[in-house]
Amino acid sequence: MKWKLTRRFLGSVVTIVVIVGIVNTILLLSLLFYRAMHDFGTEEVSAENFSRTFSQYVELKDNKPMVNEKGLKKLQDNNAWIQFLNNKGEQVAAFYTPKKLPTVYSPVEIVQMYKYKEIDAETTVFVGETHNFSYFVGVKEQKIGRYVITYNYAKVFKNFNILLLLFLIVDIIIALGIGFLFGKRLTRPLNILIEGIQQLRERSFKKMSIPKGVYEDVFRNMNELSVKLDQYEKERDLLDQMREEWISNVSHDMKTPLASIHGYTELMKDNATDLTPQELYEFSSIINRQSTYMKDLLDDLNLTMRLRNQRLPLQFEDVEIVGFIREMTIELLNDSQLGDRQVEFEANVDMAKHKVDKKLLKRAIFNFIYNALVHNEENVIVKIQIDDIRLESELHTKITISDNGRGIPSEDLEQVFERYYRGTNTASTHGTGLGMAIARDIILAHNGKLDLTSVENKGTTITILI
């Protein structure tokens, strides 16, 4: 493909050069022929005609040639002189001739006078005849010259053909050289583009260097296309990975509750007539609880998957954080199951507005609070505090959730935000085990920062910066 493009370009260049060379040759020959057949009005031709037609101004007086007044004026106007000779080469009359001009000429001297500038370097001599007298007309003009050429038609034609053939050969060689250089330079970007397209077909998304010139926009668009396709490919891989992970997690996480449901339904089916109403109620309650757990587990698993893969669109709105968390605390204390718990709220700032997803942020903070209440003794004290803090010249809102409960062993601190983690010093099995992981992912989705510190038997502190 590379050489095919180069050959096509070379062929085009050579064809153009050959056509131009032929047309130029024909035009040159036509001009030379036309010049030979017509008077172009050059100085040399005008002087030649002037000299040969000067006989019209010559008259005989006492058998001697004389120039009339019009002829004399013509000589003055053309800066010329005239010398009349008889058959013996002797001067019989002269007008405006230079002083050193010979008065007698041999036949050889006459030829020399005509062919070469024998008078001086600025004077060209022309020959004419009138009334049986010959005459020299000398025109003093540097721009006028004469070249006498002896040639053979056959040799000239042969040499011209050789010259034309040589010209064509040289022209073709030059065209091939220039065409190859320019062809290689112009087709090289096309070859790179073709290789780039082949790489895209093979799902190799590499950026190409952008050359200057006519192909610059093409390369830029190709690079943008490569980036887009690479992005789409990564998104597709991520979706495939999410799907496989989702299927794996669901199949793994559903085995225990499904086994429980299946076991109790088999028990109820096989012993339907022997079970007491109390046993039926207990079994059905377990099945209901396990099915509810499965629903919550699916919802939480779906949420954490979407959060971690940034597939959950957040609905941001302006929220006044102090009032928002105060209302959450009141709602928590009004809960019949937790109303007797000790939850304190303290705000050291009057107002703190941020753009957040109200629903998700509420879930995250509730998860932290519920975690502190559920996994500690009933007399645990949970404190919620809001402060301002300046980091890197930016003002942040700090939300601190602390308790004085059992704390978390140092060896378990790194696993707190992992899925299904439950501390070794808690007996509670409440929830799906995804609450802390979901809360952490929600804070990170808000570009916030999360920190957890805990001392065993002294309590745990969670710090949120938004």
Foldseek 3Di string as FASTA:
>chain_A
DLVVLLVVLLVVLLVVLLVVLVVVVVVVVVVVVVVVVDPPPDPQVVVQVCQAPLQVQWDADPNAIDGDPVSLVVCVVQVKWKFKAAPQQATRDIDPDDPPDDGGDDPVRVVVLQADVPPDQQWHWYWYDYPRIIMIMIGRHNVHDDHDDDDDPVVVVVVVVVVSVVVSVVSSVVSSVVSSVVSCVVSVVVVVVVVLVVCVVVVNQDQDDADDDPCRVVSVVSNVVSVVSNVVVVVVVLVVVLVVVLVVVLVVLLPVLVVLLVVLVVVCVVCVPPDDPVRVVVSVVSNVVSVVQSVQLNVLVVLLSCLVVVNDDADWDKDWVLVLVVVLVVVQCPPPVLVPAAEEEEEPDDTDIDTGRSVLQSLLVVLVVVVQCQFFDRHKHWYWYWDWDDDPNDIKIKIKIKIQGQWADPVCVVCQLPALDDGPNGPDPPHRRNSSVSSVSRLVSSVKDWDKDIDGNGIIMIMIID
